[in-house]
């Protein structure tokens, strides 16, 4: 069983294309990345409202999109894409997922992820 951390994107971003892990600049995001490293997570992914599931080293351009404001249909398609990508790289039924995100990012993911926790409840 692996420990997989899913970190929500944040509004504060670099102004130029870069690795996803470097793009997001908010205090919460940097704290969550530090926490993920401290617990020796086996894998860290970023939950991007625009791009879905991102590997930390993926190069992306800055964007302005907030999943919290998206309609129900978009959120469902988004979560289906995230789960599809996660299922290719992790075991949705056996791995332990640590979610560093709010309920909107998590709501449609939890039906497929068996073992999960929210160490910090985000509203």
C-alpha atoms as a PDB file:
ATOM      1  CA  UNK A   1       0.000   0.000   0.000  1.00  0.00           C
ATOM      2  CA  UNK A   2       1.376   3.388  -1.034  1.00  0.00           C
ATOM      3  CA  UNK A   3       0.662   6.828   0.369  1.00  0.00           C
ATOM      4  CA  UNK A   4      -0.630   9.154  -2.330  1.00  0.00           C
ATOM      5  CA  UNK A   5      -1.125  12.860  -1.646  1.00  0.00           C
ATOM      6  CA  UNK A   6      -3.591  14.914  -3.699  1.00  0.00           C
ATOM      7  CA  UNK A   7      -2.999  18.657  -3.337  1.00  0.00           C
ATOM      8  CA  UNK A   8      -5.503  21.209  -4.612  1.00  0.00           C
ATOM      9  CA  UNK A   9      -4.256  24.001  -6.824  1.00  0.00           C
ATOM     10  CA  UNK A  10      -4.461  27.577  -5.565  1.00  0.00           C
ATOM     11  CA  UNK A  11      -5.168  30.940  -7.137  1.00  0.00           C
ATOM     12  CA  UNK A  12      -1.693  32.415  -6.561  1.00  0.00           C
ATOM     13  CA  UNK A  13       0.556  31.392  -9.470  1.00  0.00           C
ATOM     14  CA  UNK A  14       3.821  32.214 -11.194  1.00  0.00           C
ATOM     15  CA  UNK A  15       3.389  34.391 -14.279  1.00  0.00           C
ATOM     16  CA  UNK A  16       5.302  32.124 -16.675  1.00  0.00           C
ATOM     17  CA  UNK A  17       5.090  28.454 -17.717  1.00  0.00           C
ATOM     18  CA  UNK A  18       6.874  26.125 -15.319  1.00  0.00           C
ATOM     19  CA  UNK A  19       6.617  22.819 -13.483  1.00  0.00           C
ATOM     20  CA  UNK A  20       3.246  22.408 -11.795  1.00  0.00           C
ATOM     21  CA  UNK A  21       4.880  22.056  -8.377  1.00  0.00           C
ATOM     22  CA  UNK A  22       6.511  25.476  -8.907  1.00  0.00           C
ATOM     23  CA  UNK A  23       3.539  27.200 -10.566  1.00  0.00           C
ATOM     24  CA  UNK A  24       1.331  27.418  -7.489  1.00  0.00           C
ATOM     25  CA  UNK A  25       2.557  29.982  -4.981  1.00  0.00           C
ATOM     26  CA  UNK A  26      -0.025  30.258  -2.234  1.00  0.00           C
ATOM     27  CA  UNK A  27       0.966  29.720   1.388  1.00  0.00           C
ATOM     28  CA  UNK A  28      -1.454  26.801   1.759  1.00  0.00           C
ATOM     29  CA  UNK A  29      -0.027  25.084  -1.310  1.00  0.00           C
ATOM     30  CA  UNK A  30       3.584  25.426  -0.198  1.00  0.00           C
ATOM     31  CA  UNK A  31       2.647  24.184   3.293  1.00  0.00           C
ATOM     32  CA  UNK A  32       0.866  21.154   1.803  1.00  0.00           C
ATOM     33  CA  UNK A  33       3.873  20.299  -0.351  1.00  0.00           C
ATOM     34  CA  UNK A  34       6.132  20.546   2.714  1.00  0.00           C
ATOM     35  CA  UNK A  35       3.753  18.322   4.671  1.00  0.00           C
ATOM     36  CA  UNK A  36       3.728  15.760   1.832  1.00  0.00           C
ATOM     37  CA  UNK A  37       7.508  15.605   1.876  1.00  0.00           C
ATOM     38  CA  UNK A  38       7.618  15.395   5.668  1.00  0.00           C
ATOM     39  CA  UNK A  39       5.387  12.312   5.725  1.00  0.00           C
ATOM     40  CA  UNK A  40       7.437  10.703   2.932  1.00  0.00           C
ATOM     41  CA  UNK A  41       4.510  10.313   0.546  1.00  0.00           C
ATOM     42  CA  UNK A  42       5.157   7.784  -2.189  1.00  0.00           C
ATOM     43  CA  UNK A  43       3.605  10.066  -4.790  1.00  0.00           C
ATOM     44  CA  UNK A  44       2.283  13.613  -4.906  1.00  0.00           C
ATOM     45  CA  UNK A  45      -0.245  14.822  -7.454  1.00  0.00           C
ATOM     46  CA  UNK A  46      -1.821  18.217  -7.947  1.00  0.00           C
ATOM     47  CA  UNK A  47      -5.559  18.582  -8.471  1.00  0.00           C
ATOM     48  CA  UNK A  48      -5.932  21.359 -11.032  1.00  0.00           C
ATOM     49  CA  UNK A  49      -9.413  22.687 -11.691  1.00  0.00           C
ATOM     50  CA  UNK A  50      -8.436  23.253 -15.308  1.00  0.00           C
ATOM     51  CA  UNK A  51      -6.085  20.350 -16.060  1.00  0.00           C
ATOM     52  CA  UNK A  52      -7.353  17.608 -13.749  1.00  0.00           C
ATOM     53  CA  UNK A  53      -4.598  15.455 -12.257  1.00  0.00           C
ATOM     54  CA  UNK A  54      -1.089  16.829 -12.696  1.00  0.00           C
ATOM     55  CA  UNK A  55       2.258  15.239 -12.020  1.00  0.00           C
ATOM     56  CA  UNK A  56       4.415  17.771 -10.159  1.00  0.00           C
ATOM     57  CA  UNK A  57       6.968  17.920 -12.994  1.00  0.00           C
ATOM     58  CA  UNK A  58       4.460  18.632 -15.773  1.00  0.00           C
ATOM     59  CA  UNK A  59       5.072  21.997 -17.419  1.00  0.00           C
ATOM     60  CA  UNK A  60       1.933  24.114 -17.559  1.00  0.00           C
ATOM     61  CA  UNK A  61       1.087  27.718 -18.251  1.00  0.00           C
ATOM     62  CA  UNK A  62      -0.539  30.010 -15.704  1.00  0.00           C
ATOM     63  CA  UNK A  63      -4.329  30.063 -15.876  1.00  0.00           C
ATOM     64  CA  UNK A  64      -7.279  31.532 -14.058  1.00  0.00           C
ATOM     65  CA  UNK A  65      -9.930  28.905 -13.377  1.00  0.00           C
ATOM     66  CA  UNK A  66     -11.558  27.810 -10.144  1.00  0.00           C
ATOM     67  CA  UNK A  67     -13.264  24.417  -9.884  1.00  0.00           C
ATOM     68  CA  UNK A  68     -15.303  25.763  -6.968  1.00  0.00           C
ATOM     69  CA  UNK A  69     -17.202  27.955  -9.441  1.00  0.00           C
ATOM     70  CA  UNK A  70     -17.734  25.298 -12.127  1.00  0.00           C
ATOM     71  CA  UNK A  71     -21.101  23.727 -12.868  1.00  0.00           C
ATOM     72  CA  UNK A  72     -22.063  20.234 -11.711  1.00  0.00           C
ATOM     73  CA  UNK A  73     -21.524  18.680 -15.165  1.00  0.00           C
ATOM     74  CA  UNK A  74     -17.981  20.055 -15.424  1.00  0.00           C
ATOM     75  CA  UNK A  75     -17.143  18.836 -11.913  1.00  0.00           C
ATOM     76  CA  UNK A  76     -18.360  15.331 -12.752  1.00  0.00           C
ATOM     77  CA  UNK A  77     -16.327  15.173 -15.989  1.00  0.00           C
ATOM     78  CA  UNK A  78     -13.330  16.591 -14.122  1.00  0.00           C
ATOM     79  CA  UNK A  79     -13.525  13.942 -11.391  1.00  0.00           C
ATOM     80  CA  UNK A  80     -13.973  11.147 -13.960  1.00  0.00           C
ATOM     81  CA  UNK A  81     -10.780  12.302 -15.705  1.00  0.00           C
ATOM     82  CA  UNK A  82      -8.884  12.554 -12.403  1.00  0.00           C
ATOM     83  CA  UNK A  83      -9.998   9.064 -11.350  1.00  0.00           C
ATOM     84  CA  UNK A  84      -9.092   7.625 -14.753  1.00  0.00           C
ATOM     85  CA  UNK A  85      -5.575   9.067 -14.556  1.00  0.00           C
ATOM     86  CA  UNK A  86      -5.188   8.019 -10.915  1.00  0.00           C
ATOM     87  CA  UNK A  87      -6.251   4.455 -11.736  1.00  0.00           C
ATOM     88  CA  UNK A  88      -3.447   4.235 -14.299  1.00  0.00           C
ATOM     89  CA  UNK A  89      -0.773   5.109 -11.724  1.00  0.00           C
ATOM     90  CA  UNK A  90      -2.187   4.066  -8.348  1.00  0.00           C
ATOM     91  CA  UNK A  91      -4.479   1.473  -6.804  1.00  0.00           C
ATOM     92  CA  UNK A  92      -7.771   3.190  -5.960  1.00  0.00           C
ATOM     93  CA  UNK A  93      -8.843   0.362  -3.640  1.00  0.00           C
ATOM     94  CA  UNK A  94      -5.574  -0.362  -1.812  1.00  0.00           C
ATOM     95  CA  UNK A  95      -3.467   2.795  -1.669  1.00  0.00           C
ATOM     96  CA  UNK A  96      -3.876   5.348   1.102  1.00  0.00           C
ATOM     97  CA  UNK A  97      -4.867   8.796  -0.192  1.00  0.00           C
ATOM     98  CA  UNK A  98      -4.283  11.987   1.736  1.00  0.00           C
ATOM     99  CA  UNK A  99      -6.469  14.771   0.413  1.00  0.00           C
ATOM    100  CA  UNK A 100      -5.285  18.328   0.853  1.00  0.00           C
ATOM    101  CA  UNK A 101      -8.258  19.991  -0.763  1.00  0.00           C
ATOM    102  CA  UNK A 102     -11.761  21.194  -0.028  1.00  0.00           C
ATOM    103  CA  UNK A 103     -14.957  19.160  -0.299  1.00  0.00           C
ATOM    104  CA  UNK A 104     -15.697  20.392  -3.830  1.00  0.00           C
ATOM    105  CA  UNK A 105     -12.467  18.910  -5.171  1.00  0.00           C
ATOM    106  CA  UNK A 106     -13.005  15.684  -3.232  1.00  0.00           C
ATOM    107  CA  UNK A 107     -16.749  15.093  -3.510  1.00  0.00           C
ATOM    108  CA  UNK A 108     -16.842  13.049  -6.729  1.00  0.00           C
ATOM    109  CA  UNK A 109     -13.537  11.275  -6.062  1.00  0.00           C
ATOM    110  CA  UNK A 110     -14.422   9.605  -2.781  1.00  0.00           C
ATOM    111  CA  UNK A 111     -16.859   7.079  -4.242  1.00  0.00           C
ATOM    112  CA  UNK A 112     -13.940   5.346  -5.980  1.00  0.00           C
ATOM    113  CA  UNK A 113     -11.156   5.851  -3.436  1.00  0.00           C
ATOM    114  CA  UNK A 114     -11.426   3.398  -0.556  1.00  0.00           C
ATOM    115  CA  UNK A 115      -8.760   4.602   1.918  1.00  0.00           C
ATOM    116  CA  UNK A 116      -8.542   8.344   2.387  1.00  0.00           C
ATOM    117  CA  UNK A 117      -8.080  11.013   5.010  1.00  0.00           C
ATOM    118  CA  UNK A 118      -8.267  14.797   5.305  1.00  0.00           C
ATOM    119  CA  UNK A 119      -5.527  15.742   7.790  1.00  0.00           C
ATOM    120  CA  UNK A 120      -6.507  19.410   7.448  1.00  0.00           C
ATOM    121  CA  UNK A 121     -10.170  20.179   6.933  1.00  0.00           C
ATOM    122  CA  UNK A 122     -10.399  22.877   4.255  1.00  0.00           C
ATOM    123  CA  UNK A 123     -13.593  24.836   3.767  1.00  0.00           C
END
